[in-house]
């Protein structure tokens, strides 16, 4: 089953780093995934996220306001 990974943020350098880390984690885990960047403030607010960047996996907010390493993201994709 394909994981839906969403990166919530304005497109700042931290957001880009989080997107790269999430993509690396998914590739290294061999998980089929779809990566989407959400930059619309209204949509970000709908997730209840107050700090960006945020990582959302299959509709659930997993990380907010920080950029974890790919190794820290891998368990969140399971």
PDB file of N, CA and C in Angstrom:
ATOM      1  N   UNK A   1       0.840  -1.184   0.000  1.00  0.00           N
ATOM      2  CA  UNK A   1       0.000   0.000   0.000  1.00  0.00           C
ATOM      3  C   UNK A   1       0.887   1.251   0.000  1.00  0.00           C
ATOM      4  N   UNK A   2       0.544   2.195  -0.803  1.00  0.00           N
ATOM      5  CA  UNK A   2       1.340   3.415  -0.921  1.00  0.00           C
ATOM      6  C   UNK A   2       1.097   4.333   0.274  1.00  0.00           C
ATOM      7  N   UNK A   3       2.187   4.776   0.893  1.00  0.00           N
ATOM      8  CA  UNK A   3       2.096   5.725   2.000  1.00  0.00           C
ATOM      9  C   UNK A   3       1.950   7.128   1.427  1.00  0.00           C
ATOM     10  N   UNK A   4       1.086   7.915   2.011  1.00  0.00           N
ATOM     11  CA  UNK A   4       0.949   9.309   1.601  1.00  0.00           C
ATOM     12  C   UNK A   4       1.740  10.147   2.606  1.00  0.00           C
ATOM     13  N   UNK A   5       2.837  10.716   2.130  1.00  0.00           N
ATOM     14  CA  UNK A   5       3.702  11.543   2.972  1.00  0.00           C
ATOM     15  C   UNK A   5       3.489  12.993   2.565  1.00  0.00           C
ATOM     16  N   UNK A   6       3.143  13.820   3.531  1.00  0.00           N
ATOM     17  CA  UNK A   6       2.939  15.240   3.252  1.00  0.00           C
ATOM     18  C   UNK A   6       3.894  16.068   4.095  1.00  0.00           C
ATOM     19  N   UNK A   7       4.481  17.069   3.460  1.00  0.00           N
ATOM     20  CA  UNK A   7       5.344  18.011   4.151  1.00  0.00           C
ATOM     21  C   UNK A   7       4.565  19.325   4.223  1.00  0.00           C
ATOM     22  N   UNK A   8       4.280  19.779   5.432  1.00  0.00           N
ATOM     23  CA  UNK A   8       3.535  21.020   5.606  1.00  0.00           C
ATOM     24  C   UNK A   8       4.524  22.145   5.904  1.00  0.00           C
ATOM     25  N   UNK A   9       4.460  23.205   5.126  1.00  0.00           N
ATOM     26  CA  UNK A   9       5.341  24.344   5.364  1.00  0.00           C
ATOM     27  C   UNK A   9       5.351  25.287   4.184  1.00  0.00           C
ATOM     28  N   UNK A  10       6.000  26.407   4.384  1.00  0.00           N
ATOM     29  CA  UNK A  10       5.984  27.491   3.402  1.00  0.00           C
ATOM     30  C   UNK A  10       6.942  27.274   2.236  1.00  0.00           C
ATOM     31  N   UNK A  11       7.772  26.232   2.349  1.00  0.00           N
ATOM     32  CA  UNK A  11       8.779  26.018   1.314  1.00  0.00           C
ATOM     33  C   UNK A  11      10.133  26.568   1.747  1.00  0.00           C
ATOM     34  N   UNK A  12      10.283  26.812   3.037  1.00  0.00           N
ATOM     35  CA  UNK A  12      11.534  27.326   3.604  1.00  0.00           C
ATOM     36  C   UNK A  12      12.629  26.252   3.542  1.00  0.00           C
ATOM     37  N   UNK A  13      13.879  26.622   3.799  1.00  0.00           N
ATOM     38  CA  UNK A  13      14.971  25.624   3.770  1.00  0.00           C
ATOM     39  C   UNK A  13      14.713  24.419   4.681  1.00  0.00           C
ATOM     40  N   UNK A  14      14.125  24.650   5.876  1.00  0.00           N
ATOM     41  CA  UNK A  14      13.829  23.533   6.786  1.00  0.00           C
ATOM     42  C   UNK A  14      12.802  22.595   6.175  1.00  0.00           C
ATOM     43  N   UNK A  15      11.818  23.174   5.473  1.00  0.00           N
ATOM     44  CA  UNK A  15      10.781  22.358   4.827  1.00  0.00           C
ATOM     45  C   UNK A  15      11.401  21.471   3.754  1.00  0.00           C
ATOM     46  N   UNK A  16      12.329  22.053   2.985  1.00  0.00           N
ATOM     47  CA  UNK A  16      13.004  21.295   1.932  1.00  0.00           C
ATOM     48  C   UNK A  16      13.838  20.171   2.532  1.00  0.00           C
ATOM     49  N   UNK A  17      14.524  20.458   3.651  1.00  0.00           N
ATOM     50  CA  UNK A  17      15.331  19.439   4.331  1.00  0.00           C
ATOM     51  C   UNK A  17      14.450  18.288   4.814  1.00  0.00           C
ATOM     52  N   UNK A  18      13.288  18.640   5.373  1.00  0.00           N
ATOM     53  CA  UNK A  18      12.368  17.613   5.871  1.00  0.00           C
ATOM     54  C   UNK A  18      11.856  16.759   4.716  1.00  0.00           C
ATOM     55  N   UNK A  19      11.552  17.383   3.587  1.00  0.00           N
ATOM     56  CA  UNK A  19      11.082  16.638   2.408  1.00  0.00           C
ATOM     57  C   UNK A  19      12.153  15.661   1.938  1.00  0.00           C
ATOM     58  N   UNK A  20      13.407  16.131   1.888  1.00  0.00           N
ATOM     59  CA  UNK A  20      14.519  15.264   1.478  1.00  0.00           C
ATOM     60  C   UNK A  20      14.701  14.101   2.448  1.00  0.00           C
ATOM     61  N   UNK A  21      14.632  14.396   3.757  1.00  0.00           N
ATOM     62  CA  UNK A  21      14.815  13.355   4.770  1.00  0.00           C
ATOM     63  C   UNK A  21      13.695  12.321   4.692  1.00  0.00           C
ATOM     64  N   UNK A  22      12.456  12.778   4.483  1.00  0.00           N
ATOM     65  CA  UNK A  22      11.316  11.861   4.391  1.00  0.00           C
ATOM     66  C   UNK A  22      11.444  10.972   3.155  1.00  0.00           C
ATOM     67  N   UNK A  23      11.876  11.574   2.050  1.00  0.00           N
ATOM     68  CA  UNK A  23      12.041  10.812   0.809  1.00  0.00           C
ATOM     69  C   UNK A  23      13.142   9.766   0.962  1.00  0.00           C
ATOM     70  N   UNK A  24      14.236  10.153   1.573  1.00  0.00           N
ATOM     71  CA  UNK A  24      15.347   9.224   1.821  1.00  0.00           C
ATOM     72  C   UNK A  24      14.880   8.064   2.703  1.00  0.00           C
ATOM     73  N   UNK A  25      14.141   8.392   3.769  1.00  0.00           N
ATOM     74  CA  UNK A  25      13.652   7.361   4.691  1.00  0.00           C
ATOM     75  C   UNK A  25      12.736   6.372   3.972  1.00  0.00           C
ATOM     76  N   UNK A  26      11.843   6.886   3.133  1.00  0.00           N
ATOM     77  CA  UNK A  26      10.906   6.013   2.408  1.00  0.00           C
ATOM     78  C   UNK A  26      11.649   5.125   1.413  1.00  0.00           C
ATOM     79  N   UNK A  27      12.603   5.727   0.690  1.00  0.00           N
ATOM     80  CA  UNK A  27      13.374   4.947  -0.292  1.00  0.00           C
ATOM     81  C   UNK A  27      14.189   3.859   0.392  1.00  0.00           C
ATOM     82  N   UNK A  28      14.875   4.211   1.483  1.00  0.00           N
ATOM     83  CA  UNK A  28      15.714   3.246   2.190  1.00  0.00           C
ATOM     84  C   UNK A  28      14.885   2.136   2.823  1.00  0.00           C
ATOM     85  N   UNK A  29      13.634   2.443   3.168  1.00  0.00           N
ATOM     86  CA  UNK A  29      12.745   1.436   3.767  1.00  0.00           C
ATOM     87  C   UNK A  29      12.076   0.580   2.702  1.00  0.00           C
ATOM     88  N   UNK A  30      12.196   1.000   1.449  1.00  0.00           N
ATOM     89  CA  UNK A  30      11.570   0.257   0.364  1.00  0.00           C
ATOM     90  C   UNK A  30      10.055   0.377   0.363  1.00  0.00           C
ATOM     91  N   UNK A  31       9.556   1.468   0.921  1.00  0.00           N
ATOM     92  CA  UNK A  31       8.113   1.681   1.023  1.00  0.00           C
ATOM     93  C   UNK A  31       7.623   2.453  -0.208  1.00  0.00           C
ATOM     94  N   UNK A  32       6.560   1.952  -0.868  1.00  0.00           N
ATOM     95  CA  UNK A  32       5.994   2.765  -1.951  1.00  0.00           C
ATOM     96  C   UNK A  32       5.346   4.009  -1.328  1.00  0.00           C
ATOM     97  N   UNK A  33       5.623   5.161  -1.882  1.00  0.00           N
ATOM     98  CA  UNK A  33       5.125   6.393  -1.272  1.00  0.00           C
ATOM     99  C   UNK A  33       4.776   7.435  -2.321  1.00  0.00           C
ATOM    100  N   UNK A  34       3.988   8.392  -1.859  1.00  0.00           N
ATOM    101  CA  UNK A  34       3.647   9.551  -2.673  1.00  0.00           C
ATOM    102  C   UNK A  34       3.958  10.756  -1.783  1.00  0.00           C
ATOM    103  N   UNK A  35       4.812  11.650  -2.275  1.00  0.00           N
ATOM    104  CA  UNK A  35       5.218  12.815  -1.483  1.00  0.00           C
ATOM    105  C   UNK A  35       4.498  14.052  -1.996  1.00  0.00           C
ATOM    106  N   UNK A  36       3.907  14.770  -1.062  1.00  0.00           N
ATOM    107  CA  UNK A  36       3.180  15.989  -1.425  1.00  0.00           C
ATOM    108  C   UNK A  36       3.627  17.115  -0.506  1.00  0.00           C
ATOM    109  N   UNK A  37       3.894  18.278  -1.093  1.00  0.00           N
ATOM    110  CA  UNK A  37       4.259  19.444  -0.291  1.00  0.00           C
ATOM    111  C   UNK A  37       3.032  20.344  -0.174  1.00  0.00           C
ATOM    112  N   UNK A  38       2.641  20.627   1.053  1.00  0.00           N
ATOM    113  CA  UNK A  38       1.468  21.463   1.308  1.00  0.00           C
ATOM    114  C   UNK A  38       1.963  22.826   1.780  1.00  0.00           C
ATOM    115  N   UNK A  39       1.758  23.849   0.952  1.00  0.00           N
ATOM    116  CA  UNK A  39       2.238  25.189   1.307  1.00  0.00           C
ATOM    117  C   UNK A  39       1.086  26.141   1.636  1.00  0.00           C
ATOM    118  N   UNK A  40      -0.145  25.715   1.368  1.00  0.00           N
ATOM    119  CA  UNK A  40      -1.314  26.553   1.617  1.00  0.00           C
ATOM    120  C   UNK A  40      -1.563  26.651   3.127  1.00  0.00           C
ATOM    121  N   UNK A  41      -1.486  27.873   3.664  1.00  0.00           N
ATOM    122  CA  UNK A  41      -1.629  28.084   5.112  1.00  0.00           C
ATOM    123  C   UNK A  41      -2.963  27.536   5.613  1.00  0.00           C
ATOM    124  N   UNK A  42      -4.023  27.729   4.838  1.00  0.00           N
ATOM    125  CA  UNK A  42      -5.349  27.250   5.228  1.00  0.00           C
ATOM    126  C   UNK A  42      -5.345  25.734   5.424  1.00  0.00           C
ATOM    127  N   UNK A  43      -4.724  25.014   4.480  1.00  0.00           N
ATOM    128  CA  UNK A  43      -4.666  23.545   4.575  1.00  0.00           C
ATOM    129  C   UNK A  43      -3.801  23.108   5.752  1.00  0.00           C
ATOM    130  N   UNK A  44      -2.692  23.847   5.978  1.00  0.00           N
ATOM    131  CA  UNK A  44      -1.810  23.521   7.102  1.00  0.00           C
ATOM    132  C   UNK A  44      -2.581  23.673   8.416  1.00  0.00           C
ATOM    133  N   UNK A  45      -3.369  24.746   8.522  1.00  0.00           N
ATOM    134  CA  UNK A  45      -4.167  24.995   9.731  1.00  0.00           C
ATOM    135  C   UNK A  45      -5.201  23.880   9.946  1.00  0.00           C
ATOM    136  N   UNK A  46      -5.735  23.329   8.853  1.00  0.00           N
ATOM    137  CA  UNK A  46      -6.726  22.252   8.972  1.00  0.00           C
ATOM    138  C   UNK A  46      -6.144  21.018   9.669  1.00  0.00           C
ATOM    139  N   UNK A  47      -4.826  20.838   9.592  1.00  0.00           N
ATOM    140  CA  UNK A  47      -4.171  19.723  10.293  1.00  0.00           C
ATOM    141  C   UNK A  47      -3.951  20.061  11.772  1.00  0.00           C
ATOM    142  N   UNK A  48      -4.200  21.315  12.155  1.00  0.00           N
ATOM    143  CA  UNK A  48      -3.972  21.735  13.535  1.00  0.00           C
ATOM    144  C   UNK A  48      -2.505  22.003  13.813  1.00  0.00           C
ATOM    145  N   UNK A  49      -1.729  22.236  12.750  1.00  0.00           N
ATOM    146  CA  UNK A  49      -0.295  22.455  12.896  1.00  0.00           C
ATOM    147  C   UNK A  49      -0.017  23.941  13.123  1.00  0.00           C
ATOM    148  N   UNK A  50       0.707  24.239  14.196  1.00  0.00           N
ATOM    149  CA  UNK A  50       1.033  25.626  14.519  1.00  0.00           C
ATOM    150  C   UNK A  50       2.491  25.961  14.196  1.00  0.00           C
ATOM    151  N   UNK A  51       3.320  24.923  14.103  1.00  0.00           N
ATOM    152  CA  UNK A  51       4.737  25.128  13.796  1.00  0.00           C
ATOM    153  C   UNK A  51       5.111  24.298  12.584  1.00  0.00           C
ATOM    154  N   UNK A  52       5.803  24.925  11.652  1.00  0.00           N
ATOM    155  CA  UNK A  52       6.276  24.176  10.491  1.00  0.00           C
ATOM    156  C   UNK A  52       7.793  24.107  10.539  1.00  0.00           C
ATOM    157  N   UNK A  53       8.412  23.179   9.861  1.00  0.00           N
ATOM    158  CA  UNK A  53       7.772  22.192   8.994  1.00  0.00           C
ATOM    159  C   UNK A  53       7.103  21.091   9.808  1.00  0.00           C
ATOM    160  N   UNK A  54       6.169  20.404   9.180  1.00  0.00           N
ATOM    161  CA  UNK A  54       5.512  19.274   9.828  1.00  0.00           C
ATOM    162  C   UNK A  54       5.481  18.103   8.850  1.00  0.00           C
ATOM    163  N   UNK A  55       5.543  16.915   9.420  1.00  0.00           N
ATOM    164  CA  UNK A  55       5.491  15.681   8.632  1.00  0.00           C
ATOM    165  C   UNK A  55       4.167  14.992   8.914  1.00  0.00           C
ATOM    166  N   UNK A  56       3.423  14.693   7.852  1.00  0.00           N
ATOM    167  CA  UNK A  56       2.145  14.000   7.976  1.00  0.00           C
ATOM    168  C   UNK A  56       2.247  12.698   7.188  1.00  0.00           C
ATOM    169  N   UNK A  57       1.884  11.592   7.836  1.00  0.00           N
ATOM    170  CA  UNK A  57       1.902  10.286   7.171  1.00  0.00           C
ATOM    171  C   UNK A  57       0.492   9.723   7.207  1.00  0.00           C
ATOM    172  N   UNK A  58      -0.056   9.466   6.031  1.00  0.00           N
ATOM    173  CA  UNK A  58      -1.419   8.935   5.905  1.00  0.00           C
ATOM    174  C   UNK A  58      -2.425   9.744   6.728  1.00  0.00           C
ATOM    175  N   UNK A  59      -2.312  11.069   6.673  1.00  0.00           N
ATOM    176  CA  UNK A  59      -3.282  11.945   7.325  1.00  0.00           C
ATOM    177  C   UNK A  59      -3.023  12.223   8.793  1.00  0.00           C
ATOM    178  N   UNK A  60      -1.978  11.614   9.373  1.00  0.00           N
ATOM    179  CA  UNK A  60      -1.670  11.832  10.791  1.00  0.00           C
ATOM    180  C   UNK A  60      -0.410  12.657  10.937  1.00  0.00           C
ATOM    181  N   UNK A  61      -0.494  13.725  11.744  1.00  0.00           N
ATOM    182  CA  UNK A  61       0.681  14.560  11.991  1.00  0.00           C
ATOM    183  C   UNK A  61       1.632  13.773  12.882  1.00  0.00           C
ATOM    184  N   UNK A  62       2.879  13.577  12.390  1.00  0.00           N
ATOM    185  CA  UNK A  62       3.865  12.786  13.137  1.00  0.00           C
ATOM    186  C   UNK A  62       4.918  13.673  13.796  1.00  0.00           C
ATOM    187  N   UNK A  63       5.317  14.744  13.115  1.00  0.00           N
ATOM    188  CA  UNK A  63       6.370  15.621  13.626  1.00  0.00           C
ATOM    189  C   UNK A  63       6.004  17.062  13.294  1.00  0.00           C
ATOM    190  N   UNK A  64       6.270  17.962  14.236  1.00  0.00           N
ATOM    191  CA  UNK A  64       5.959  19.364  14.039  1.00  0.00           C
ATOM    192  C   UNK A  64       7.118  20.230  14.511  1.00  0.00           C
ATOM    193  N   UNK A  65       7.507  21.205  13.691  1.00  0.00           N
ATOM    194  CA  UNK A  65       8.489  22.195  14.118  1.00  0.00           C
ATOM    195  C   UNK A  65       9.927  21.716  14.221  1.00  0.00           C
ATOM    196  N   UNK A  66      10.248  20.578  13.604  1.00  0.00           N
ATOM    197  CA  UNK A  66      11.635  20.110  13.641  1.00  0.00           C
ATOM    198  C   UNK A  66      11.960  19.306  12.393  1.00  0.00           C
ATOM    199  N   UNK A  67      13.251  19.102  12.170  1.00  0.00           N
ATOM    200  CA  UNK A  67      13.704  18.332  11.009  1.00  0.00           C
ATOM    201  C   UNK A  67      14.481  17.121  11.512  1.00  0.00           C
ATOM    202  N   UNK A  68      13.809  15.965  11.583  1.00  0.00           N
ATOM    203  CA  UNK A  68      14.493  14.755  12.040  1.00  0.00           C
ATOM    204  C   UNK A  68      15.345  14.150  10.924  1.00  0.00           C
ATOM    205  N   UNK A  69      16.190  13.207  11.291  1.00  0.00           N
ATOM    206  CA  UNK A  69      17.017  12.510  10.305  1.00  0.00           C
ATOM    207  C   UNK A  69      16.167  11.434   9.627  1.00  0.00           C
ATOM    208  N   UNK A  70      16.625  10.933   8.460  1.00  0.00           N
ATOM    209  CA  UNK A  70      15.879   9.830   7.832  1.00  0.00           C
ATOM    210  C   UNK A  70      15.689   8.644   8.777  1.00  0.00           C
ATOM    211  N   UNK A  71      16.724   8.344   9.597  1.00  0.00           N
ATOM    212  CA  UNK A  71      16.613   7.212  10.526  1.00  0.00           C
ATOM    213  C   UNK A  71      15.530   7.447  11.587  1.00  0.00           C
ATOM    214  N   UNK A  72      15.304   8.711  11.955  1.00  0.00           N
ATOM    215  CA  UNK A  72      14.250   9.021  12.926  1.00  0.00           C
ATOM    216  C   UNK A  72      12.871   8.958  12.278  1.00  0.00           C
ATOM    217  N   UNK A  73      12.829   9.164  10.962  1.00  0.00           N
ATOM    218  CA  UNK A  73      11.548   9.156  10.244  1.00  0.00           C
ATOM    219  C   UNK A  73      11.084   7.738   9.917  1.00  0.00           C
ATOM    220  N   UNK A  74      12.041   6.843   9.642  1.00  0.00           N
ATOM    221  CA  UNK A  74      11.687   5.472   9.222  1.00  0.00           C
ATOM    222  C   UNK A  74      10.626   4.808  10.095  1.00  0.00           C
ATOM    223  N   UNK A  75      10.757   4.812  11.428  1.00  0.00           N
ATOM    224  CA  UNK A  75       9.732   4.138  12.250  1.00  0.00           C
ATOM    225  C   UNK A  75       8.344   4.775  12.090  1.00  0.00           C
ATOM    226  N   UNK A  76       8.296   6.046  11.761  1.00  0.00           N
ATOM    227  CA  UNK A  76       7.017   6.746  11.622  1.00  0.00           C
ATOM    228  C   UNK A  76       6.289   6.353  10.342  1.00  0.00           C
ATOM    229  N   UNK A  77       7.019   5.741   9.407  1.00  0.00           N
ATOM    230  CA  UNK A  77       6.416   5.341   8.134  1.00  0.00           C
ATOM    231  C   UNK A  77       5.797   3.950   8.192  1.00  0.00           C
ATOM    232  N   UNK A  78       6.105   3.208   9.260  1.00  0.00           N
ATOM    233  CA  UNK A  78       5.622   1.827   9.361  1.00  0.00           C
ATOM    234  C   UNK A  78       4.128   1.801   9.662  1.00  0.00           C
TER     235      UNK A  78
END
